[in-house]
Amino acid sequence: MHSATGRSLHQLDALQDRYFLQGTLKVENPAESAVLSAGLKIAAPIVRSAIAQSIQSLKSASRQITDRVVRELGIGYSDFLVASYNRCQQVKTLVSGDRPLPLAEVYVNLKLTYSDNTVSD
């Protein structure tokens, strides 16, 4: 570690210990208060801008990952997914025999109750 960098980090730690105790700002004299206030006013827009840029970058990266996953699933599995979806939309029942019926037409909502507990789909 470079000695100037080590010294700066040590000074930063000392300032943090001196001014920030348990989440409250402790100022020892008015001159320090003015310097800290000016520093915070200068730093706030810079920090706000850096955070906004980071958030935008994360949004862009997540959008790219989502698009890639959707694209790759669509290329390799689209026919399989469509066929599976269509197959699951039709069911054979004891009443219908060999003739499949649309699941949405024959489905009966389930409601289970035990003591005071009720679970429904």
N, C-alpha and C. Protein backbone atom coordinates (compact mmCIF):
# COMPACT_ATOMS: atom_id res chain seq x y z
N MET A 1 0.85 -1.17 0.00
CA MET A 1 0.00 0.00 0.00
C MET A 1 0.90 1.23 0.00
N HIS A 2 0.58 2.21 -0.81
CA HIS A 2 1.31 3.47 -0.88
C HIS A 2 1.14 4.20 0.44
N SER A 3 2.21 4.82 0.95
CA SER A 3 2.14 5.45 2.27
C SER A 3 1.16 6.61 2.31
N ALA A 4 1.06 7.38 1.21
CA ALA A 4 0.09 8.49 1.18
C ALA A 4 -1.33 7.96 1.24
N THR A 5 -1.56 6.87 0.51
CA THR A 5 -2.89 6.26 0.53
C THR A 5 -3.20 5.72 1.92
N GLY A 6 -2.22 5.07 2.53
CA GLY A 6 -2.41 4.55 3.88
C GLY A 6 -2.69 5.66 4.87
N ARG A 7 -1.96 6.78 4.72
CA ARG A 7 -2.18 7.93 5.59
C ARG A 7 -3.57 8.51 5.39
N SER A 8 -4.02 8.61 4.11
CA SER A 8 -5.35 9.16 3.84
C SER A 8 -6.43 8.27 4.43
N LEU A 9 -6.27 6.96 4.29
CA LEU A 9 -7.27 6.05 4.85
C LEU A 9 -7.29 6.16 6.37
N HIS A 10 -6.12 6.30 6.96
CA HIS A 10 -6.05 6.45 8.41
C HIS A 10 -6.74 7.75 8.85
N GLN A 11 -6.51 8.82 8.11
CA GLN A 11 -7.15 10.10 8.42
C GLN A 11 -8.66 10.00 8.26
N LEU A 12 -9.09 9.29 7.21
CA LEU A 12 -10.52 9.11 6.97
C LEU A 12 -11.16 8.34 8.13
N ASP A 13 -10.47 7.28 8.57
CA ASP A 13 -10.99 6.51 9.72
C ASP A 13 -11.06 7.38 10.97
N ALA A 14 -10.04 8.21 11.16
CA ALA A 14 -10.02 9.08 12.34
C ALA A 14 -11.18 10.08 12.28
N LEU A 15 -11.42 10.64 11.09
CA LEU A 15 -12.54 11.57 10.94
C LEU A 15 -13.87 10.89 11.20
N GLN A 16 -13.98 9.68 10.69
CA GLN A 16 -15.24 8.95 10.89
C GLN A 16 -15.46 8.70 12.38
N ASP A 17 -14.40 8.27 13.07
CA ASP A 17 -14.53 8.04 14.51
C ASP A 17 -14.83 9.33 15.25
N ARG A 18 -14.27 10.42 14.78
CA ARG A 18 -14.42 11.70 15.47
C ARG A 18 -15.81 12.30 15.27
N TYR A 19 -16.38 12.18 14.05
CA TYR A 19 -17.61 12.89 13.73
C TYR A 19 -18.87 12.04 13.72
N PHE A 20 -18.74 10.77 13.49
CA PHE A 20 -19.92 9.94 13.37
C PHE A 20 -19.92 8.89 14.47
N LEU A 21 -20.69 9.12 15.47
CA LEU A 21 -20.80 8.19 16.57
C LEU A 21 -22.24 7.72 16.66
N GLN A 22 -22.45 6.42 16.45
CA GLN A 22 -23.77 5.79 16.53
C GLN A 22 -24.79 6.51 15.65
N GLY A 23 -24.40 6.84 14.43
CA GLY A 23 -25.33 7.40 13.46
C GLY A 23 -25.63 8.87 13.64
N THR A 24 -24.99 9.55 14.59
CA THR A 24 -25.24 10.98 14.78
C THR A 24 -23.97 11.74 14.49
N LEU A 25 -24.11 12.93 13.96
CA LEU A 25 -22.98 13.77 13.63
C LEU A 25 -22.56 14.55 14.86
N LYS A 26 -21.29 14.42 15.23
CA LYS A 26 -20.76 15.12 16.40
C LYS A 26 -19.76 16.17 15.90
N VAL A 27 -20.06 17.44 16.06
CA VAL A 27 -19.18 18.52 15.60
C VAL A 27 -18.63 19.23 16.82
N GLU A 28 -17.30 19.41 16.80
CA GLU A 28 -16.65 19.99 17.98
C GLU A 28 -16.59 21.52 17.96
N ASN A 29 -16.52 22.14 16.76
CA ASN A 29 -16.52 23.60 16.74
C ASN A 29 -17.20 24.10 15.47
N PRO A 30 -17.62 25.35 15.44
CA PRO A 30 -18.37 25.90 14.30
C PRO A 30 -17.61 25.85 12.97
N ALA A 31 -16.30 26.03 13.01
CA ALA A 31 -15.52 25.99 11.76
C ALA A 31 -15.60 24.60 11.14
N GLU A 32 -15.46 23.57 11.97
CA GLU A 32 -15.58 22.20 11.47
C GLU A 32 -16.98 21.96 10.93
N SER A 33 -17.97 22.49 11.61
CA SER A 33 -19.36 22.35 11.16
C SER A 33 -19.54 22.96 9.78
N ALA A 34 -18.98 24.15 9.56
CA ALA A 34 -19.10 24.81 8.26
C ALA A 34 -18.40 24.02 7.17
N VAL A 35 -17.21 23.48 7.48
CA VAL A 35 -16.46 22.69 6.50
C VAL A 35 -17.23 21.43 6.15
N LEU A 36 -17.74 20.74 7.17
CA LEU A 36 -18.50 19.51 6.92
C LEU A 36 -19.77 19.80 6.12
N SER A 37 -20.45 20.88 6.46
CA SER A 37 -21.67 21.25 5.75
C SER A 37 -21.38 21.54 4.28
N ALA A 38 -20.31 22.29 4.03
CA ALA A 38 -19.93 22.60 2.64
C ALA A 38 -19.54 21.33 1.90
N GLY A 39 -18.80 20.46 2.58
CA GLY A 39 -18.40 19.20 1.95
C GLY A 39 -19.59 18.33 1.60
N LEU A 40 -20.56 18.27 2.49
CA LEU A 40 -21.77 17.49 2.22
C LEU A 40 -22.56 18.07 1.06
N LYS A 41 -22.62 19.41 0.99
CA LYS A 41 -23.34 20.05 -0.12
C LYS A 41 -22.66 19.77 -1.45
N ILE A 42 -21.34 19.74 -1.44
CA ILE A 42 -20.60 19.46 -2.67
C ILE A 42 -20.70 17.99 -3.03
N ALA A 43 -20.60 17.12 -2.04
CA ALA A 43 -20.58 15.67 -2.29
C ALA A 43 -21.95 15.11 -2.65
N ALA A 44 -23.02 15.69 -2.14
CA ALA A 44 -24.36 15.12 -2.34
C ALA A 44 -24.71 14.93 -3.82
N PRO A 45 -24.57 15.93 -4.70
CA PRO A 45 -24.91 15.71 -6.10
C PRO A 45 -24.01 14.68 -6.78
N ILE A 46 -22.74 14.65 -6.37
CA ILE A 46 -21.81 13.69 -6.97
C ILE A 46 -22.21 12.27 -6.58
N VAL A 47 -22.50 12.08 -5.31
CA VAL A 47 -22.91 10.75 -4.83
C VAL A 47 -24.25 10.35 -5.45
N ARG A 48 -25.19 11.30 -5.50
CA ARG A 48 -26.49 11.03 -6.09
C ARG A 48 -26.35 10.61 -7.55
N SER A 49 -25.49 11.31 -8.29
CA SER A 49 -25.25 10.99 -9.70
C SER A 49 -24.61 9.62 -9.86
N ALA A 50 -23.64 9.31 -9.01
CA ALA A 50 -22.98 8.00 -9.07
C ALA A 50 -23.95 6.87 -8.79
N ILE A 51 -24.83 7.08 -7.82
CA ILE A 51 -25.83 6.05 -7.49
C ILE A 51 -26.81 5.88 -8.64
N ALA A 52 -27.25 6.98 -9.23
CA ALA A 52 -28.18 6.91 -10.36
C ALA A 52 -27.55 6.18 -11.54
N GLN A 53 -26.27 6.45 -11.81
CA GLN A 53 -25.58 5.77 -12.91
C GLN A 53 -25.45 4.28 -12.62
N SER A 54 -25.16 3.93 -11.37
CA SER A 54 -25.04 2.52 -10.99
C SER A 54 -26.37 1.79 -11.16
N ILE A 55 -27.43 2.44 -10.73
CA ILE A 55 -28.76 1.83 -10.87
C ILE A 55 -29.11 1.63 -12.34
N GLN A 56 -28.83 2.63 -13.15
CA GLN A 56 -29.11 2.53 -14.59
C GLN A 56 -28.30 1.40 -15.21
N SER A 57 -27.05 1.27 -14.82
CA SER A 57 -26.19 0.21 -15.33
C SER A 57 -26.73 -1.16 -14.93
N LEU A 58 -27.18 -1.30 -13.68
CA LEU A 58 -27.75 -2.57 -13.23
C LEU A 58 -29.04 -2.90 -13.97
N LYS A 59 -29.86 -1.89 -14.22
CA LYS A 59 -31.10 -2.12 -14.97
C LYS A 59 -30.78 -2.62 -16.37
N SER A 60 -29.81 -1.99 -17.00
CA SER A 60 -29.43 -2.38 -18.36
C SER A 60 -28.89 -3.80 -18.39
N ALA A 61 -28.03 -4.14 -17.42
CA ALA A 61 -27.47 -5.49 -17.37
C ALA A 61 -28.55 -6.53 -17.12
N SER A 62 -29.48 -6.25 -16.22
CA SER A 62 -30.55 -7.23 -15.94
C SER A 62 -31.47 -7.38 -17.15
N ARG A 63 -31.72 -6.28 -17.86
CA ARG A 63 -32.54 -6.35 -19.06
C ARG A 63 -31.86 -7.22 -20.13
N GLN A 64 -30.55 -7.07 -20.28
CA GLN A 64 -29.81 -7.86 -21.26
C GLN A 64 -29.84 -9.35 -20.89
N ILE A 65 -29.68 -9.65 -19.60
CA ILE A 65 -29.72 -11.05 -19.17
C ILE A 65 -31.10 -11.65 -19.39
N THR A 66 -32.14 -10.91 -19.05
CA THR A 66 -33.50 -11.39 -19.26
C THR A 66 -33.77 -11.63 -20.73
N ASP A 67 -33.38 -10.70 -21.58
CA ASP A 67 -33.59 -10.86 -23.01
C ASP A 67 -32.85 -12.09 -23.54
N ARG A 68 -31.64 -12.31 -23.05
CA ARG A 68 -30.87 -13.47 -23.51
C ARG A 68 -31.54 -14.78 -23.10
N VAL A 69 -32.00 -14.85 -21.85
CA VAL A 69 -32.66 -16.07 -21.37
C VAL A 69 -33.93 -16.34 -22.18
N VAL A 70 -34.73 -15.30 -22.39
CA VAL A 70 -35.96 -15.46 -23.17
C VAL A 70 -35.64 -15.90 -24.60
N ARG A 71 -34.64 -15.28 -25.18
CA ARG A 71 -34.26 -15.62 -26.56
C ARG A 71 -33.78 -17.07 -26.65
N GLU A 72 -32.92 -17.48 -25.71
CA GLU A 72 -32.39 -18.84 -25.78
C GLU A 72 -33.45 -19.89 -25.46
N LEU A 73 -34.34 -19.60 -24.54
CA LEU A 73 -35.43 -20.55 -24.28
C LEU A 73 -36.37 -20.62 -25.47
N GLY A 74 -36.62 -19.49 -26.09
CA GLY A 74 -37.51 -19.45 -27.24
C GLY A 74 -36.97 -20.22 -28.43
N ILE A 75 -35.66 -20.17 -28.65
CA ILE A 75 -35.06 -20.84 -29.81
C ILE A 75 -35.10 -22.35 -29.62
N GLY A 76 -34.64 -22.85 -28.49
CA GLY A 76 -34.50 -24.28 -28.31
C GLY A 76 -35.76 -24.99 -27.86
N TYR A 77 -36.66 -24.29 -27.22
CA TYR A 77 -37.78 -24.97 -26.59
C TYR A 77 -39.16 -24.50 -27.03
N SER A 78 -39.24 -23.59 -27.96
CA SER A 78 -40.54 -23.02 -28.29
C SER A 78 -41.53 -24.09 -28.78
N ASP A 79 -41.11 -24.97 -29.67
CA ASP A 79 -42.03 -26.01 -30.16
C ASP A 79 -42.45 -26.95 -29.03
N PHE A 80 -41.49 -27.33 -28.19
CA PHE A 80 -41.79 -28.21 -27.06
C PHE A 80 -42.75 -27.54 -26.08
N LEU A 81 -42.50 -26.26 -25.77
CA LEU A 81 -43.36 -25.55 -24.84
C LEU A 81 -44.78 -25.39 -25.37
N VAL A 82 -44.92 -25.08 -26.64
CA VAL A 82 -46.25 -24.95 -27.24
C VAL A 82 -46.97 -26.29 -27.22
N ALA A 83 -46.28 -27.36 -27.57
CA ALA A 83 -46.91 -28.69 -27.58
C ALA A 83 -47.32 -29.11 -26.17
N SER A 84 -46.45 -28.85 -25.18
CA SER A 84 -46.77 -29.21 -23.79
C SER A 84 -47.96 -28.41 -23.29
N TYR A 85 -47.97 -27.12 -23.59
CA TYR A 85 -49.08 -26.27 -23.17
C TYR A 85 -50.40 -26.77 -23.78
N ASN A 86 -50.38 -27.05 -25.06
CA ASN A 86 -51.60 -27.53 -25.74
C ASN A 86 -52.04 -28.88 -25.17
N ARG A 87 -51.10 -29.76 -24.89
CA ARG A 87 -51.44 -31.08 -24.36
C ARG A 87 -52.08 -30.95 -22.97
N CYS A 88 -51.58 -30.02 -22.16
CA CYS A 88 -52.09 -29.85 -20.81
C CYS A 88 -53.43 -29.10 -20.77
N GLN A 89 -53.82 -28.49 -21.84
CA GLN A 89 -55.09 -27.78 -21.90
C GLN A 89 -56.27 -28.73 -22.06
N GLN A 90 -56.01 -29.96 -22.47
CA GLN A 90 -57.05 -30.96 -22.70
C GLN A 90 -56.83 -32.13 -21.74
N VAL A 91 -57.92 -32.64 -21.14
CA VAL A 91 -57.83 -33.80 -20.25
C VAL A 91 -58.93 -34.81 -20.61
N LYS A 92 -58.60 -36.06 -20.36
CA LYS A 92 -59.61 -37.12 -20.53
C LYS A 92 -60.17 -37.45 -19.15
N THR A 93 -61.47 -37.62 -19.07
CA THR A 93 -62.11 -37.94 -17.80
C THR A 93 -62.80 -39.29 -17.92
N LEU A 94 -63.28 -39.79 -16.80
CA LEU A 94 -64.03 -41.04 -16.84
C LEU A 94 -65.32 -40.86 -17.63
N VAL A 95 -65.91 -39.68 -17.55
CA VAL A 95 -67.18 -39.43 -18.24
C VAL A 95 -66.96 -39.26 -19.74
N SER A 96 -65.89 -38.57 -20.13
CA SER A 96 -65.69 -38.28 -21.56
C SER A 96 -65.05 -39.44 -22.30
N GLY A 97 -64.47 -40.41 -21.59
CA GLY A 97 -63.85 -41.55 -22.25
C GLY A 97 -62.60 -41.14 -23.01
N ASP A 98 -62.60 -41.42 -24.32
CA ASP A 98 -61.43 -41.14 -25.16
C ASP A 98 -61.43 -39.71 -25.70
N ARG A 99 -62.49 -38.99 -25.48
CA ARG A 99 -62.60 -37.63 -26.02
C ARG A 99 -62.07 -36.63 -24.99
N PRO A 100 -60.95 -35.93 -25.31
CA PRO A 100 -60.40 -34.93 -24.36
C PRO A 100 -61.33 -33.72 -24.25
N LEU A 101 -61.43 -33.18 -23.04
CA LEU A 101 -62.22 -31.98 -22.78
C LEU A 101 -61.29 -30.85 -22.35
N PRO A 102 -61.68 -29.60 -22.64
CA PRO A 102 -60.85 -28.47 -22.18
C PRO A 102 -60.80 -28.44 -20.65
N LEU A 103 -59.61 -28.34 -20.11
CA LEU A 103 -59.41 -28.35 -18.67
C LEU A 103 -60.18 -27.22 -17.98
N ALA A 104 -60.19 -26.06 -18.57
CA ALA A 104 -60.87 -24.91 -17.96
C ALA A 104 -62.36 -25.15 -17.79
N GLU A 105 -62.98 -26.00 -18.63
CA GLU A 105 -64.42 -26.26 -18.55
C GLU A 105 -64.77 -27.30 -17.49
N VAL A 106 -63.86 -28.23 -17.20
CA VAL A 106 -64.19 -29.31 -16.27
C VAL A 106 -63.52 -29.16 -14.91
N TYR A 107 -62.68 -28.17 -14.74
CA TYR A 107 -61.96 -27.99 -13.48
C TYR A 107 -62.91 -27.51 -12.39
N VAL A 108 -62.76 -28.11 -11.20
CA VAL A 108 -63.55 -27.74 -10.04
C VAL A 108 -62.59 -27.22 -8.99
N ASN A 109 -62.86 -26.00 -8.50
CA ASN A 109 -61.99 -25.42 -7.48
C ASN A 109 -62.00 -26.28 -6.23
N LEU A 110 -60.82 -26.39 -5.61
CA LEU A 110 -60.65 -27.23 -4.44
C LEU A 110 -60.58 -26.34 -3.19
N LYS A 111 -61.30 -26.78 -2.14
CA LYS A 111 -61.25 -26.06 -0.86
C LYS A 111 -61.17 -27.11 0.24
N LEU A 112 -60.05 -27.11 0.98
CA LEU A 112 -59.84 -28.06 2.05
C LEU A 112 -59.94 -27.35 3.39
N THR A 113 -60.66 -27.96 4.33
CA THR A 113 -60.81 -27.37 5.65
C THR A 113 -60.50 -28.43 6.70
N TYR A 114 -59.67 -28.03 7.66
CA TYR A 114 -59.34 -28.90 8.79
C TYR A 114 -59.30 -28.03 10.03
N SER A 115 -60.16 -28.32 10.97
CA SER A 115 -60.31 -27.49 12.18
C SER A 115 -60.62 -26.06 11.75
N ASP A 116 -59.77 -25.11 12.12
CA ASP A 116 -60.00 -23.72 11.73
C ASP A 116 -59.18 -23.31 10.52
N ASN A 117 -58.46 -24.23 9.90
CA ASN A 117 -57.59 -23.92 8.77
C ASN A 117 -58.30 -24.24 7.46
N THR A 118 -58.25 -23.33 6.54
CA THR A 118 -58.84 -23.54 5.22
C THR A 118 -57.81 -23.21 4.16
N VAL A 119 -57.70 -24.11 3.19
CA VAL A 119 -56.77 -23.91 2.06
C VAL A 119 -57.56 -24.07 0.80
N SER A 120 -57.44 -23.09 -0.09
CA SER A 120 -58.10 -23.22 -1.39
C SER A 120 -57.12 -22.88 -2.49
N ASP A 121 -57.40 -23.37 -3.68
CA ASP A 121 -56.48 -23.10 -4.78
C ASP A 121 -56.79 -21.82 -5.49
